Amino acid sequence: MERDRHGNRLGDIEITDPKAMRALAHPVRLAILERLQRHGPATATQLSPDVGATPSVTSWHLRHLAGFGLVRDAERGEDRRERRWEAVARGFRLDMPQDGEGMSAARALSRQMFARTAGVPQRWETETEPELSPEWRRLAGVANTGVVVTADELAAIEDAFERVIAPFVTRDPSDRPSDARTVRLLRYYLPEGEGRQPGGTA
């Protein structure tokens, strides 16, 4: 089974251009896009403290991202003079290209993505978890599971997961229950090399 990435259920933008991958493989730009996707439209000045750049530098990066169709102008706020930006989609994904240039660009972006998420669990544990109610603390958790599957079976697992979460990802904000809150789902699908199977059977 091959997952239909061109009809992905989560509404992600699909990045296939190596130049766009390299453009996004920059810590400030990746931070900008993540901030807009998680918190909605903002100005360069509002983004600046979160992304570690001055408003003018942030504005330059925003224009660069817009050139690759990753962000766009949002509706003006109360101050009509301020330019507000928004992400074009809730998330993004990329396929590993087969050509040398594409693979190099995809790996550069993947490294930045891994780097950005590497500290998330520890920050959550020290900053967020102590403030959670027992109900939410009980539901949080970490799992590290190895499975032996074919490429088609792994594609089916990914597809099934997206099928489950898609209604919640794409739900209109007005339809969210009053007690709903944001939950970070960090997903890694990391195939191992040939001959390495759980249980030492290889």
C-alpha atoms as a PDB file:
ATOM      1  CA  MET A   1       0.000   0.000   0.000  1.00  0.00           C
ATOM      2  CA  GLU A   2       1.376   3.401  -0.909  1.00  0.00           C
ATOM      3  CA  ARG A   3       0.060   6.356   1.037  1.00  0.00           C
ATOM      4  CA  ASP A   4      -1.500   9.020  -1.143  1.00  0.00           C
ATOM      5  CA  ARG A   5       0.554  12.017  -0.093  1.00  0.00           C
ATOM      6  CA  HIS A   6      -1.135  14.145  -2.739  1.00  0.00           C
ATOM      7  CA  GLY A   7      -4.409  13.798  -0.863  1.00  0.00           C
ATOM      8  CA  ASN A   8      -3.069  13.925   2.687  1.00  0.00           C
ATOM      9  CA  ARG A   9      -5.794  14.108   5.285  1.00  0.00           C
ATOM     10  CA  LEU A  10      -4.132  16.704   7.501  1.00  0.00           C
ATOM     11  CA  GLY A  11      -4.082  19.486   4.935  1.00  0.00           C
ATOM     12  CA  ASP A  12      -0.289  19.778   5.018  1.00  0.00           C
ATOM     13  CA  ILE A  13       1.567  21.641   2.315  1.00  0.00           C
ATOM     14  CA  GLU A  14       3.870  19.277   0.428  1.00  0.00           C
ATOM     15  CA  ILE A  15       7.385  20.537  -0.217  1.00  0.00           C
ATOM     16  CA  THR A  16       8.959  18.966  -3.287  1.00  0.00           C
ATOM     17  CA  ASP A  17      11.249  21.734  -4.566  1.00  0.00           C
ATOM     18  CA  PRO A  18      14.826  21.327  -3.251  1.00  0.00           C
ATOM     19  CA  LYS A  19      15.222  25.125  -3.270  1.00  0.00           C
ATOM     20  CA  ALA A  20      12.196  25.457  -0.994  1.00  0.00           C
ATOM     21  CA  MET A  21      13.623  22.759   1.300  1.00  0.00           C
ATOM     22  CA  ARG A  22      16.909  24.641   1.586  1.00  0.00           C
ATOM     23  CA  ALA A  23      15.063  27.897   2.176  1.00  0.00           C
ATOM     24  CA  LEU A  24      13.193  26.330   5.091  1.00  0.00           C
ATOM     25  CA  ALA A  25      16.305  24.572   6.441  1.00  0.00           C
ATOM     26  CA  HIS A  26      17.190  27.676   8.440  1.00  0.00           C
ATOM     27  CA  PRO A  27      16.491  27.886  12.181  1.00  0.00           C
ATOM     28  CA  VAL A  28      14.794  31.291  12.036  1.00  0.00           C
ATOM     29  CA  ARG A  29      12.593  30.438   9.058  1.00  0.00           C
ATOM     30  CA  LEU A  30      11.608  27.097  10.537  1.00  0.00           C
ATOM     31  CA  ALA A  31      10.775  28.843  13.815  1.00  0.00           C
ATOM     32  CA  ILE A  32       8.687  31.441  11.969  1.00  0.00           C
ATOM     33  CA  LEU A  33       6.681  28.823  10.104  1.00  0.00           C
ATOM     34  CA  GLU A  34       6.097  26.741  13.225  1.00  0.00           C
ATOM     35  CA  ARG A  35       4.978  29.802  15.207  1.00  0.00           C
ATOM     36  CA  LEU A  36       2.500  30.833  12.502  1.00  0.00           C
ATOM     37  CA  GLN A  37       1.150  27.297  12.167  1.00  0.00           C
ATOM     38  CA  ARG A  38       0.640  26.879  15.904  1.00  0.00           C
ATOM     39  CA  HIS A  39      -0.584  30.342  16.897  1.00  0.00           C
ATOM     40  CA  GLY A  40      -2.016  31.931  13.775  1.00  0.00           C
ATOM     41  CA  PRO A  41      -1.327  35.219  11.963  1.00  0.00           C
ATOM     42  CA  ALA A  42       1.257  37.625  13.311  1.00  0.00           C
ATOM     43  CA  THR A  43       3.418  40.575  12.332  1.00  0.00           C
ATOM     44  CA  ALA A  44       7.199  40.462  12.059  1.00  0.00           C
ATOM     45  CA  THR A  45       7.379  42.471  15.286  1.00  0.00           C
ATOM     46  CA  GLN A  46       5.184  39.964  17.122  1.00  0.00           C
ATOM     47  CA  LEU A  47       7.202  37.026  15.788  1.00  0.00           C
ATOM     48  CA  SER A  48      10.580  38.552  16.554  1.00  0.00           C
ATOM     49  CA  PRO A  49      10.943  37.562  20.258  1.00  0.00           C
ATOM     50  CA  ASP A  50       9.926  33.950  19.560  1.00  0.00           C
ATOM     51  CA  VAL A  51      12.221  33.357  16.594  1.00  0.00           C
ATOM     52  CA  GLY A  52      15.373  35.042  17.864  1.00  0.00           C
ATOM     53  CA  ALA A  53      15.715  37.750  15.224  1.00  0.00           C
ATOM     54  CA  THR A  54      15.053  41.476  14.972  1.00  0.00           C
ATOM     55  CA  PRO A  55      11.775  42.592  13.365  1.00  0.00           C
ATOM     56  CA  SER A  56      13.602  43.706  10.205  1.00  0.00           C
ATOM     57  CA  VAL A  57      15.440  40.384   9.853  1.00  0.00           C
ATOM     58  CA  THR A  58      12.230  38.487  10.632  1.00  0.00           C
ATOM     59  CA  SER A  59      10.457  40.479   7.916  1.00  0.00           C
ATOM     60  CA  TRP A  60      13.178  39.532   5.429  1.00  0.00           C
ATOM     61  CA  HIS A  61      12.805  35.844   6.275  1.00  0.00           C
ATOM     62  CA  LEU A  62       9.023  36.115   5.941  1.00  0.00           C
ATOM     63  CA  ARG A  63       9.345  37.514   2.438  1.00  0.00           C
ATOM     64  CA  HIS A  64      11.753  34.703   1.582  1.00  0.00           C
ATOM     65  CA  LEU A  65       9.255  32.096   2.819  1.00  0.00           C
ATOM     66  CA  ALA A  66       6.487  33.820   0.870  1.00  0.00           C
ATOM     67  CA  GLY A  67       8.554  33.505  -2.291  1.00  0.00           C
ATOM     68  CA  PHE A  68       8.294  29.722  -1.940  1.00  0.00           C
ATOM     69  CA  GLY A  69       4.586  29.757  -1.121  1.00  0.00           C
ATOM     70  CA  LEU A  70       4.978  28.762   2.528  1.00  0.00           C
ATOM     71  CA  VAL A  71       3.491  31.921   4.068  1.00  0.00           C
ATOM     72  CA  ARG A  72       1.217  34.663   2.741  1.00  0.00           C
ATOM     73  CA  ASP A  73      -0.379  37.941   3.709  1.00  0.00           C
ATOM     74  CA  ALA A  74      -3.136  37.668   6.299  1.00  0.00           C
ATOM     75  CA  GLU A  75      -5.991  40.075   6.914  1.00  0.00           C
ATOM     76  CA  ARG A  76      -4.868  43.344   8.451  1.00  0.00           C
ATOM     77  CA  GLY A  77      -5.341  43.779  12.184  1.00  0.00           C
ATOM     78  CA  GLU A  78      -6.510  46.842  14.085  1.00  0.00           C
ATOM     79  CA  ASP A  79      -3.410  48.705  12.977  1.00  0.00           C
ATOM     80  CA  ARG A  80      -3.963  48.676   9.227  1.00  0.00           C
ATOM     81  CA  ARG A  81      -0.387  49.784   8.622  1.00  0.00           C
ATOM     82  CA  GLU A  82       1.113  46.578  10.026  1.00  0.00           C
ATOM     83  CA  ARG A  83       1.619  43.668   7.658  1.00  0.00           C
ATOM     84  CA  ARG A  84       0.354  40.416   9.122  1.00  0.00           C
ATOM     85  CA  TRP A  85       1.449  37.000   7.890  1.00  0.00           C
ATOM     86  CA  GLU A  86      -0.050  33.532   8.057  1.00  0.00           C
ATOM     87  CA  ALA A  87       1.056  30.017   7.170  1.00  0.00           C
ATOM     88  CA  VAL A  88      -0.566  28.619   4.036  1.00  0.00           C
ATOM     89  CA  ALA A  89      -1.277  25.287   5.779  1.00  0.00           C
ATOM     90  CA  ARG A  90      -1.458  23.782   9.267  1.00  0.00           C
ATOM     91  CA  GLY A  91       1.663  21.700   8.673  1.00  0.00           C
ATOM     92  CA  PHE A  92       4.122  20.591   6.022  1.00  0.00           C
ATOM     93  CA  ARG A  93       5.696  17.390   4.817  1.00  0.00           C
ATOM     94  CA  LEU A  94       8.338  16.345   2.375  1.00  0.00           C
ATOM     95  CA  ASP A  95       9.208  13.198   0.484  1.00  0.00           C
ATOM     96  CA  MET A  96      12.841  12.180   0.261  1.00  0.00           C
ATOM     97  CA  PRO A  97      13.765  12.872  -3.392  1.00  0.00           C
ATOM     98  CA  GLN A  98      15.885  10.332  -5.245  1.00  0.00           C
ATOM     99  CA  ASP A  99      18.287  12.713  -6.976  1.00  0.00           C
ATOM    100  CA  GLY A 100      21.451  13.910  -5.267  1.00  0.00           C
ATOM    101  CA  GLU A 101      20.475  17.581  -4.986  1.00  0.00           C
ATOM    102  CA  GLY A 102      17.017  16.770  -3.678  1.00  0.00           C
ATOM    103  CA  MET A 103      18.298  14.254  -1.115  1.00  0.00           C
ATOM    104  CA  SER A 104      20.874  16.744   0.157  1.00  0.00           C
ATOM    105  CA  ALA A 105      18.240  19.472   0.541  1.00  0.00           C
ATOM    106  CA  ALA A 106      15.771  17.125   2.250  1.00  0.00           C
ATOM    107  CA  ARG A 107      18.424  15.956   4.698  1.00  0.00           C
ATOM    108  CA  ALA A 108      19.366  19.539   5.534  1.00  0.00           C
ATOM    109  CA  LEU A 109      15.731  20.321   6.335  1.00  0.00           C
ATOM    110  CA  SER A 110      15.292  17.075   8.282  1.00  0.00           C
ATOM    111  CA  ARG A 111      18.318  17.909  10.437  1.00  0.00           C
ATOM    112  CA  GLN A 112      16.830  21.280  11.335  1.00  0.00           C
ATOM    113  CA  MET A 113      13.476  19.676  12.128  1.00  0.00           C
ATOM    114  CA  PHE A 114      15.122  17.066  14.388  1.00  0.00           C
ATOM    115  CA  ALA A 115      17.118  19.806  16.100  1.00  0.00           C
ATOM    116  CA  ARG A 116      13.995  21.877  16.779  1.00  0.00           C
ATOM    117  CA  THR A 117      12.090  18.996  18.342  1.00  0.00           C
ATOM    118  CA  ALA A 118      15.015  17.460  20.261  1.00  0.00           C
ATOM    119  CA  GLY A 119      14.498  19.651  23.315  1.00  0.00           C
ATOM    120  CA  VAL A 120      10.691  19.697  23.276  1.00  0.00           C
ATOM    121  CA  PRO A 121      10.141  16.750  25.682  1.00  0.00           C
ATOM    122  CA  GLN A 122      12.601  18.082  28.265  1.00  0.00           C
ATOM    123  CA  ARG A 123      11.120  21.595  28.125  1.00  0.00           C
ATOM    124  CA  TRP A 124       7.647  20.108  28.495  1.00  0.00           C
ATOM    125  CA  GLU A 125       8.765  18.087  31.519  1.00  0.00           C
ATOM    126  CA  THR A 126      10.295  21.069  33.310  1.00  0.00           C
ATOM    127  CA  GLU A 127       7.976  23.907  32.244  1.00  0.00           C
ATOM    128  CA  THR A 128       4.559  22.417  31.468  1.00  0.00           C
ATOM    129  CA  GLU A 129       4.103  19.062  33.192  1.00  0.00           C
ATOM    130  CA  PRO A 130       4.299  20.431  36.767  1.00  0.00           C
ATOM    131  CA  GLU A 131       1.339  22.728  36.037  1.00  0.00           C
ATOM    132  CA  LEU A 132      -0.921  20.053  34.552  1.00  0.00           C
ATOM    133  CA  SER A 133      -3.918  18.611  36.326  1.00  0.00           C
ATOM    134  CA  PRO A 134      -3.708  14.915  37.310  1.00  0.00           C
ATOM    135  CA  GLU A 135      -6.061  14.060  34.434  1.00  0.00           C
ATOM    136  CA  TRP A 136      -3.836  15.589  31.751  1.00  0.00           C
ATOM    137  CA  ARG A 137      -0.623  14.404  33.431  1.00  0.00           C
ATOM    138  CA  ARG A 138      -1.918  10.826  33.344  1.00  0.00           C
ATOM    139  CA  LEU A 139      -2.618  11.026  29.598  1.00  0.00           C
ATOM    140  CA  ALA A 140       0.842  12.292  28.712  1.00  0.00           C
ATOM    141  CA  GLY A 141       3.499   9.749  27.921  1.00  0.00           C
ATOM    142  CA  VAL A 142       6.417   8.516  25.858  1.00  0.00           C
ATOM    143  CA  ALA A 143       6.648   5.296  23.867  1.00  0.00           C
ATOM    144  CA  ASN A 144       9.571   3.758  22.031  1.00  0.00           C
ATOM    145  CA  THR A 145       8.385   0.766  20.045  1.00  0.00           C
ATOM    146  CA  GLY A 146      10.160  -1.301  17.425  1.00  0.00           C
ATOM    147  CA  VAL A 147       8.105  -3.206  14.851  1.00  0.00           C
ATOM    148  CA  VAL A 148       9.131  -5.513  12.010  1.00  0.00           C
ATOM    149  CA  VAL A 149       7.148  -4.528   8.923  1.00  0.00           C
ATOM    150  CA  THR A 150       7.412  -4.238   5.169  1.00  0.00           C
ATOM    151  CA  ALA A 151       7.554  -0.861   3.430  1.00  0.00           C
ATOM    152  CA  ASP A 152       3.894  -1.242   2.444  1.00  0.00           C
ATOM    153  CA  GLU A 153       2.919  -2.085   6.023  1.00  0.00           C
ATOM    154  CA  LEU A 154       4.737   0.968   7.360  1.00  0.00           C
ATOM    155  CA  ALA A 155       2.881   3.121   4.828  1.00  0.00           C
ATOM    156  CA  ALA A 156      -0.364   1.569   6.065  1.00  0.00           C
ATOM    157  CA  ILE A 157       0.551   2.376   9.698  1.00  0.00           C
ATOM    158  CA  GLU A 158       1.252   6.015   8.810  1.00  0.00           C
ATOM    159  CA  ASP A 159      -2.006   6.233   6.861  1.00  0.00           C
ATOM    160  CA  ALA A 160      -4.027   4.700   9.694  1.00  0.00           C
ATOM    161  CA  PHE A 161      -2.557   7.147  12.207  1.00  0.00           C
ATOM    162  CA  GLU A 162      -3.428  10.121  10.038  1.00  0.00           C
ATOM    163  CA  ARG A 163      -6.922   8.735   9.514  1.00  0.00           C
ATOM    164  CA  VAL A 164      -7.446   8.776  13.292  1.00  0.00           C
ATOM    165  CA  ILE A 165      -6.127  12.283  14.007  1.00  0.00           C
ATOM    166  CA  ALA A 166      -7.337  14.050  10.836  1.00  0.00           C
ATOM    167  CA  PRO A 167     -10.803  14.990  12.208  1.00  0.00           C
ATOM    168  CA  PHE A 168      -9.154  16.713  15.184  1.00  0.00           C
ATOM    169  CA  VAL A 169      -6.435  18.437  13.154  1.00  0.00           C
ATOM    170  CA  THR A 170      -8.853  19.855  10.588  1.00  0.00           C
ATOM    171  CA  ARG A 171     -11.723  20.645  12.980  1.00  0.00           C
ATOM    172  CA  ASP A 172     -12.947  24.211  12.790  1.00  0.00           C
ATOM    173  CA  PRO A 173     -11.945  26.211  15.887  1.00  0.00           C
ATOM    174  CA  SER A 174     -15.591  27.053  16.531  1.00  0.00           C
ATOM    175  CA  ASP A 175     -16.355  23.323  16.874  1.00  0.00           C
ATOM    176  CA  ARG A 176     -13.704  22.592  19.488  1.00  0.00           C
ATOM    177  CA  PRO A 177     -15.030  21.644  22.946  1.00  0.00           C
ATOM    178  CA  SER A 178     -14.487  24.273  25.618  1.00  0.00           C
ATOM    179  CA  ASP A 179     -12.112  22.019  27.562  1.00  0.00           C
ATOM    180  CA  ALA A 180      -9.917  21.135  24.563  1.00  0.00           C
ATOM    181  CA  ARG A 181      -6.249  22.097  24.587  1.00  0.00           C
ATOM    182  CA  THR A 182      -3.279  21.765  22.260  1.00  0.00           C
ATOM    183  CA  VAL A 183      -1.367  18.480  22.465  1.00  0.00           C
ATOM    184  CA  ARG A 184       1.986  18.016  20.707  1.00  0.00           C
ATOM    185  CA  LEU A 185       2.257  14.698  18.874  1.00  0.00           C
ATOM    186  CA  LEU A 186       5.884  14.077  17.913  1.00  0.00           C
ATOM    187  CA  ARG A 187       6.071  11.302  15.325  1.00  0.00           C
ATOM    188  CA  TYR A 188       9.232   9.635  14.064  1.00  0.00           C
ATOM    189  CA  TYR A 189       9.241   6.788  11.562  1.00  0.00           C
ATOM    190  CA  LEU A 190      12.858   5.605  11.519  1.00  0.00           C
ATOM    191  CA  PRO A 191      13.477   2.423   9.514  1.00  0.00           C
ATOM    192  CA  GLU A 192      16.620   0.595  10.614  1.00  0.00           C
ATOM    193  CA  GLY A 193      19.201  -1.017   8.378  1.00  0.00           C
ATOM    194  CA  GLU A 194      18.735  -4.463   6.931  1.00  0.00           C
ATOM    195  CA  GLY A 195      19.356  -7.309   9.345  1.00  0.00           C
ATOM    196  CA  ARG A 196      18.447  -5.344  12.474  1.00  0.00           C
ATOM    197  CA  GLN A 197      15.248  -6.763  13.920  1.00  0.00           C
ATOM    198  CA  PRO A 198      13.864  -6.628  17.468  1.00  0.00           C
ATOM    199  CA  GLY A 199      14.396  -9.880  19.338  1.00  0.00           C
ATOM    200  CA  GLY A 200      17.728 -10.684  17.704  1.00  0.00           C
ATOM    201  CA  THR A 201      16.206 -12.907  15.035  1.00  0.00           C
ATOM    202  CA  ALA A 202      18.389 -11.556  12.257  1.00  0.00           C
END
